Structure formats: structure tokens, C-alpha cells
Protein backbone atom coordinates (compact mmCIF):
# COMPACT_ATOMS: atom_id res chain seq x y z
CA MET A 1 43.49 -47.55 42.37
CA SER A 2 41.18 -44.98 41.96
CA PHE A 3 39.13 -46.82 44.74
CA LEU A 4 41.99 -46.34 47.27
CA ALA A 5 42.48 -42.59 46.24
CA ALA A 6 38.57 -42.33 47.26
CA VAL A 7 39.33 -44.11 50.66
CA VAL A 8 42.49 -41.73 51.12
CA VAL A 9 40.56 -38.56 50.53
CA MET A 10 37.33 -39.85 52.78
CA SER A 11 39.71 -40.84 55.54
CA ALA A 12 41.66 -37.41 55.47
CA LEU A 13 38.25 -35.61 55.96
CA TYR A 14 37.25 -38.01 58.85
CA ALA A 15 40.42 -37.90 60.50
CA LEU A 16 40.29 -33.97 60.29
CA MET A 17 36.93 -34.04 62.14
CA ALA A 18 37.79 -36.89 64.78
CA SER A 19 40.52 -34.44 65.84
CA GLY A 20 38.17 -31.95 66.99
CA PHE A 21 36.51 -34.67 69.22
CA VAL A 22 39.77 -35.81 70.53
CA VAL A 23 41.20 -32.16 70.92
CA ILE A 24 38.74 -31.21 73.17
CA TYR A 25 37.96 -34.47 75.22
CA ARG A 26 41.78 -34.92 75.81
CA ALA A 27 41.86 -31.28 77.58
CA SER A 28 38.11 -31.22 79.20
CA ARG A 29 37.07 -34.97 79.37
CA VAL A 30 33.78 -33.37 77.60
CA LEU A 31 32.18 -34.72 74.32
CA ASN A 32 30.89 -32.25 72.24
CA PHE A 33 27.80 -33.24 70.51
CA ALA A 34 27.61 -29.82 68.91
CA TYR A 35 30.50 -30.45 66.84
CA GLY A 36 28.26 -31.71 63.63
CA ASP A 37 26.22 -28.70 63.86
CA VAL A 38 29.26 -26.31 63.69
CA ILE A 39 30.42 -27.67 60.67
CA LEU A 40 26.96 -27.28 59.25
CA LEU A 41 26.79 -23.98 60.52
CA PHE A 42 30.46 -22.90 59.10
CA GLY A 43 29.82 -24.66 55.70
CA TYR A 44 26.88 -22.58 54.96
CA LEU A 45 28.77 -19.46 56.18
CA ALA A 46 31.52 -20.18 54.15
CA SER A 47 29.51 -20.71 50.94
CA THR A 48 27.67 -17.52 51.70
CA LEU A 49 30.96 -15.37 52.12
CA VAL A 50 32.07 -16.82 49.01
CA GLU A 51 28.78 -15.54 46.95
CA LEU A 52 29.55 -12.38 48.81
CA ILE A 53 33.12 -11.55 48.43
CA GLY A 54 33.86 -13.60 45.30
CA SER A 55 33.57 -16.55 42.97
CA LYS A 56 37.48 -17.84 44.81
CA ALA A 57 37.33 -19.18 48.30
CA ILE A 58 40.86 -18.29 49.56
CA SER A 59 39.80 -15.02 51.31
CA PRO A 60 36.34 -16.08 52.64
CA SER A 61 38.20 -19.43 53.86
CA LEU A 62 40.81 -17.64 55.87
CA ILE A 63 37.94 -15.50 57.39
CA ILE A 64 35.97 -18.67 58.19
CA LEU A 65 39.05 -20.05 59.79
CA PHE A 66 39.78 -17.22 62.13
CA ALA A 67 36.15 -17.02 63.00
CA GLY A 68 36.26 -20.57 63.82
CA PHE A 69 38.73 -20.09 66.30
CA PHE A 70 37.15 -17.33 67.80
CA PHE A 71 33.84 -18.98 68.37
CA GLY A 72 35.71 -21.87 70.07
CA LEU A 73 36.92 -19.18 72.44
CA VAL A 74 33.52 -17.70 72.82
CA ILE A 75 31.46 -21.17 73.58
CA TYR A 76 34.12 -22.22 76.26
CA VAL A 77 33.77 -18.50 78.07
CA LEU A 78 30.40 -18.27 77.79
CA LEU A 79 29.08 -21.69 78.27
CA ILE A 80 31.67 -24.48 78.75
CA LYS A 81 34.00 -22.50 81.83
CA PRO A 82 30.55 -21.82 83.44
CA MET A 83 29.99 -25.34 84.10
CA ALA A 84 33.27 -26.36 85.56
CA GLY A 85 33.05 -28.70 88.80
CA GLN A 86 29.20 -29.77 87.38
CA PRO A 87 29.10 -33.57 86.77
CA ALA A 88 30.37 -34.24 83.05
CA TYR A 89 27.13 -35.20 82.03
CA SER A 90 25.84 -31.63 82.36
CA THR A 91 27.96 -30.23 79.98
CA ILE A 92 27.66 -32.78 77.68
CA ILE A 93 23.67 -32.09 77.72
CA LEU A 94 24.61 -28.41 77.17
CA THR A 95 26.79 -29.37 73.87
CA VAL A 96 23.44 -31.25 72.78
CA ALA A 97 21.33 -28.22 73.26
CA LEU A 98 24.01 -25.88 71.71
CA GLY A 99 23.72 -28.35 68.50
CA ILE A 100 20.01 -28.16 68.19
CA LEU A 101 20.13 -24.40 68.38
CA MET A 102 22.73 -24.18 65.66
CA GLN A 103 21.16 -26.79 63.40
CA ALA A 104 17.88 -24.88 63.60
CA PHE A 105 19.23 -21.35 62.86
CA SER A 106 21.16 -23.17 59.86
CA ILE A 107 17.94 -24.88 58.55
CA LEU A 108 15.99 -21.75 59.03
CA THR A 109 18.59 -19.42 57.47
CA TRP A 110 19.69 -21.12 54.42
CA ARG A 111 16.35 -23.57 54.07
CA GLY A 112 18.14 -26.76 53.72
CA GLN A 113 19.56 -25.65 50.25
CA VAL A 114 22.48 -27.22 48.79
CA LYS A 115 25.33 -24.98 48.32
CA SER A 116 28.93 -25.18 46.77
CA ILE A 117 32.48 -23.79 47.93
CA PRO A 118 34.95 -23.53 44.80
CA LEU A 119 38.54 -23.63 46.04
CA ALA A 120 40.32 -21.55 43.28
CA TRP A 121 40.36 -23.66 40.57
CA ARG A 122 38.92 -27.49 39.70
CA ALA A 123 41.15 -29.52 37.62
CA TYR A 124 42.02 -32.86 37.41
CA VAL A 125 45.36 -34.59 37.54
CA THR A 126 46.19 -37.96 36.56
CA LEU A 127 49.05 -39.88 38.63
CA PRO A 128 51.19 -42.81 38.53
CA GLY A 129 48.84 -45.96 38.51
CA GLY A 130 46.04 -44.34 37.06
CA ILE A 131 44.77 -42.23 39.87
CA ARG A 132 42.91 -39.46 38.91
CA LEU A 133 42.53 -36.77 41.54
CA SER A 134 41.02 -33.49 41.51
CA SER A 135 42.38 -30.35 42.56
CA THR A 136 39.91 -30.40 45.43
CA GLU A 137 40.90 -33.69 46.42
CA ILE A 138 44.66 -32.95 46.38
CA ILE A 139 44.03 -29.71 48.56
CA ILE A 140 42.33 -32.01 51.19
CA ILE A 141 45.01 -34.54 51.43
CA ILE A 142 47.76 -31.91 51.88
CA THR A 143 45.92 -29.81 54.39
CA ALA A 144 45.03 -33.13 56.38
CA ILE A 145 48.99 -34.00 56.44
CA ILE A 146 49.89 -30.12 57.36
CA TYR A 147 47.37 -30.22 59.85
CA PHE A 148 48.39 -33.01 62.22
CA ILE A 149 51.96 -32.49 61.22
CA GLY A 150 51.31 -28.78 62.60
CA LEU A 151 49.04 -30.12 65.66
CA PHE A 152 51.98 -33.09 66.71
CA SER A 153 54.17 -30.55 66.43
CA PHE A 154 52.46 -28.16 68.42
CA TYR A 155 51.79 -30.91 71.53
CA GLN A 156 55.49 -32.12 71.36
CA PHE A 157 57.31 -28.82 71.04
CA SER A 158 55.81 -25.93 72.47
CA LYS A 159 55.23 -25.01 75.87
CA ILE A 160 51.34 -24.23 75.67
CA GLY A 161 51.46 -27.82 73.93
CA ARG A 162 53.32 -29.65 76.70
CA GLN A 163 50.81 -27.85 79.43
CA MET A 164 48.03 -29.18 77.53
CA ARG A 165 49.43 -32.69 77.63
CA GLY A 166 49.66 -32.33 81.42
CA THR A 167 46.19 -31.10 81.92
CA ALA A 168 44.93 -33.54 79.95
CA GLU A 169 46.79 -36.28 82.06
CA ASN A 170 46.39 -34.84 85.80
CA PRO A 171 44.37 -31.60 85.54
CA LEU A 172 44.93 -30.92 89.54
CA LEU A 173 48.65 -31.78 89.46
CA ALA A 174 48.97 -29.04 86.38
CA SER A 175 47.07 -26.27 88.42
CA GLN A 176 49.64 -27.19 91.38
CA ARG A 177 52.40 -26.85 88.79
CA SER A 178 50.86 -22.98 87.97
CA VAL A 179 49.38 -24.31 84.76
CA ASN A 180 46.41 -22.12 83.79
CA ILE A 181 44.13 -24.84 83.12
CA TYR A 182 41.23 -22.65 81.91
CA PHE A 183 43.47 -21.03 79.37
CA VAL A 184 44.67 -24.48 77.88
CA THR A 185 41.32 -25.88 78.11
CA GLY A 186 39.83 -22.78 76.17
CA LEU A 187 42.69 -22.96 73.35
CA ALA A 188 41.75 -26.63 73.17
CA TRP A 189 38.07 -25.72 72.25
CA ALA A 190 39.45 -23.05 70.00
CA ILE A 191 41.47 -25.44 68.00
CA SER A 192 38.55 -28.08 67.92
CA ILE A 193 35.99 -25.66 66.19
CA PHE A 194 39.11 -24.37 63.98
CA SER A 195 39.01 -28.12 62.98
CA ALA A 196 35.19 -28.18 62.62
CA SER A 197 35.64 -24.73 60.51
CA LEU A 198 38.39 -26.55 58.32
CA THR A 199 36.75 -29.40 57.45
CA ALA A 200 33.44 -27.68 56.64
CA ILE A 201 35.34 -25.93 54.01
CA LEU A 202 37.01 -28.89 52.63
CA PHE A 203 34.08 -31.22 52.86
CA GLY A 204 31.67 -28.38 50.77
CA ALA A 205 34.24 -28.01 48.45
CA ASN A 206 34.38 -31.63 47.64
CA PHE A 207 30.60 -32.69 48.16
CA GLY A 208 28.84 -29.73 48.90
CA VAL A 209 27.13 -28.24 51.72
CA SER A 210 23.88 -29.72 52.85
CA ILE A 211 22.02 -30.37 55.85
CA PHE A 212 23.38 -34.04 56.08
CA MET A 213 27.00 -32.66 56.91
CA GLY A 214 25.97 -33.41 60.39
CA HIS A 215 25.42 -36.88 59.73
CA THR A 216 29.17 -37.22 58.49
CA ALA A 217 30.47 -35.82 61.87
CA LEU A 218 28.57 -38.37 63.51
CA LYS A 219 30.78 -40.92 61.22
CA ALA A 220 33.84 -39.16 62.15
CA PHE A 221 32.75 -39.38 66.35
CA ALA A 222 32.56 -43.34 65.41
CA VAL A 223 36.17 -42.69 63.87
CA ALA A 224 37.13 -40.81 67.30
CA LEU A 225 35.67 -43.85 69.30
CA VAL A 226 37.28 -46.64 67.34
CA GLY A 227 40.94 -44.92 67.34
CA GLY A 228 40.58 -43.74 70.79
CA LEU A 229 39.23 -40.58 72.42
CA ASP A 230 42.45 -39.59 74.15
CA SER A 231 44.57 -40.47 71.13
CA LEU A 232 45.14 -37.89 68.64
CA GLY A 233 47.47 -40.35 66.46
CA GLY A 234 44.40 -42.99 66.44
CA ALA A 235 42.16 -40.77 64.43
CA ILE A 236 44.59 -41.31 61.39
CA PRO A 237 44.11 -45.47 61.30
CA ALA A 238 40.91 -45.39 62.47
CA ALA A 239 39.83 -42.94 59.51
CA PHE A 240 41.39 -45.17 57.02
CA LEU A 241 39.76 -48.26 58.64
CA VAL A 242 36.19 -46.82 58.84
CA ALA A 243 36.68 -44.94 55.05
CA LEU A 244 37.89 -48.09 53.75
CA ALA A 245 34.74 -50.58 55.23
CA GLU A 246 32.14 -47.90 54.28
CA LEU A 247 33.40 -47.24 50.69
CA THR A 248 33.85 -50.96 50.19
CA ALA A 249 30.13 -51.47 51.20
CA ASN A 250 28.98 -48.69 49.18
CA THR A 251 30.57 -49.84 45.89
CA TYR A 252 30.40 -53.97 46.39
CA ILE A 253 27.52 -54.47 48.49
CA ASN A 254 24.96 -51.83 48.90
CA PRO A 255 25.08 -48.36 49.15
CA ARG A 256 22.52 -48.24 52.10
CA LEU A 257 24.16 -50.35 54.10
CA ALA A 258 27.28 -48.01 53.63
CA ASN A 259 26.27 -45.22 56.11
CA THR A 260 25.93 -47.71 58.78
CA ILE A 261 28.85 -49.40 58.49
CA PRO A 262 31.02 -46.76 60.65
CA PHE A 263 28.30 -47.39 63.55
CA ILE A 264 28.42 -50.95 63.42
CA ILE A 265 32.24 -50.95 63.33
CA MET A 266 32.12 -48.82 66.51
CA ILE A 267 29.87 -51.05 68.38
CA ILE A 268 32.12 -53.66 67.89
CA ILE A 269 34.85 -51.46 69.28
CA LEU A 270 33.07 -50.70 71.93
CA LEU A 271 31.69 -54.28 72.72
CA THR A 272 35.64 -55.60 72.67
CA ARG A 273 37.72 -52.75 73.21
CA PRO A 274 35.70 -49.61 74.51
CA TRP A 275 38.64 -47.44 74.84
CA GLY A 276 39.59 -47.97 71.18
CA PHE A 277 42.77 -49.04 69.49
CA PHE A 278 44.97 -46.42 70.58
CA GLY A 279 43.09 -44.95 73.47
CA THR A 280 44.32 -45.42 77.01
CA GLU A 281 42.43 -48.19 79.15
CA GLU A 282 41.26 -46.01 82.45
CA GLU A 283 40.19 -43.16 80.38
CA ILE A 284 37.09 -45.10 79.44
CA GLU A 285 35.76 -44.81 83.12
CA ARG A 286 36.05 -40.95 82.65
CA VAL A 287 33.37 -41.05 79.57
């Protein structure tokens, strides 16, 4: 049961990370390869704010989440929007360059140190069945549930959310219906980077902040591909599948193999069902 609890915690983190890839791709058909480096940067920023403001991470976390949302808007306005009309690969290469710059800044500033982000308190709870979870792991699971319920509700019931869905399906038709596609795309980038900052806080609180956080985000990219790049709901079962396979390999086979498992699954899916389990088949032509 403890093994299953670990799978649920890891899948919650993977689903949160993968949602950032999906939200941006649905809105702008761009693969944001700077995403992992954004998580790295905000993880270090969060740990530094905790050191400056106090031992509890609530106030620093709120600052980081707000900064993440604003940073997403800034990236879109300054870098992505001017690339409108250019080939998709140009924007993708731009995100790669942005990621390299952010990674270099993080390494030069914090010199690869391992940091921690304490979330209020650290206690352990024993659940029925002998499942033992830390308070941080419980916060991760609850936060992931609330985040996805909020995101699904936003897309389903709000006017802006419906406009984002319409823009994702047909940008030209949406613009002809007076939808400000630049606004909704910028909002998608803001939500995505907000997700990255949220993941940075939760991941750093549970595992610590280090330069290896970017590698974890690459696993989340594999999750997004397995679930379907245009399917937000697909990220949840895909995250569970990848986390289950990875932790099974880590526990029962070889820890060195575990880090490759998400990418092995990704390759298998790309060869057999390249649009992912829940993605739209024709979407693969736009990748």
C-alpha cells in the first residue's frame, strides 16, 4: 500500500507538470521546451524567498505563484506574440534558447546547491491499510485534485475558458467570431507558467530543489505525449501509468532503469499511437 501511495504522489506531480505542456499546446500549438527550466528557476526562487521571509512557505508560495502567472504573460508578450505567423519550429527553438538561458542563470546564481522548501509543518499520517503519508505528500495530492477541478471547470463553464477551447480547435473561426486570440493565448501561457511555479513549490517541498528538477520535467513531457498533447484529461491516467512503471522499475528491477522508463513508454506510444491515448488523431500533423 505504501508503494501505491508513492505512485499516487508521483503521478500527481507528473500530472501537474504535464498540464503546463498541454495548456500551451492546445492554445498555440507550441511545445514549450523551456518549461523544465522554468520549474528549476522558480524552485530556487521559492527556496530563497523562504530563507528571506521566514521558515514557513505560505507567504513565499503565494508570491511565487503570482510571479509565475505574471512571468507567463511577460514571456508571451515579449517573445511568443512577435513570432505570430512564423513557422512553428521557430517558436519551439526560441523556447529551447530561453530554457538554456534560464538554466544558466539558475546554475550561476545558486551554483547547483540543494535547497528545501518547508510547507508549514512536517508530520506523518497513517491512513487505513497502513498507508503512511507525510503532510507534504497529502498537500501535493489535494492540490493536484483542486487544480484539475478548477482547470476543468474554467474550460467548461467560464466564457474565457470556452473561448480558449474554441481558439484551440479553430483559431481563424474564433477570431472571426470576435475572440481576442492573442489574449486567450497569453492567458494560456500565464496558466502554464503558474502550473510550473506551483509544481516547483510542491516538488521542492517533497524532494528538494536541485538542478535535476529539469530532468523530471522532461518525464512530464513524456506524460503529456502519452496522454495526448491536446488532452488535459489524458494527462491524469498517463501520469499514473508512467509513475507506476517508473516506481516499479525502481523498486523491483533496477533504479538506473527507472529514469528511462518514461521515455521508453513515450517511444512505444509514438510508434503505435503518435497522438497519444486521449489525443485527437489529426493533431499530430501540427506538431
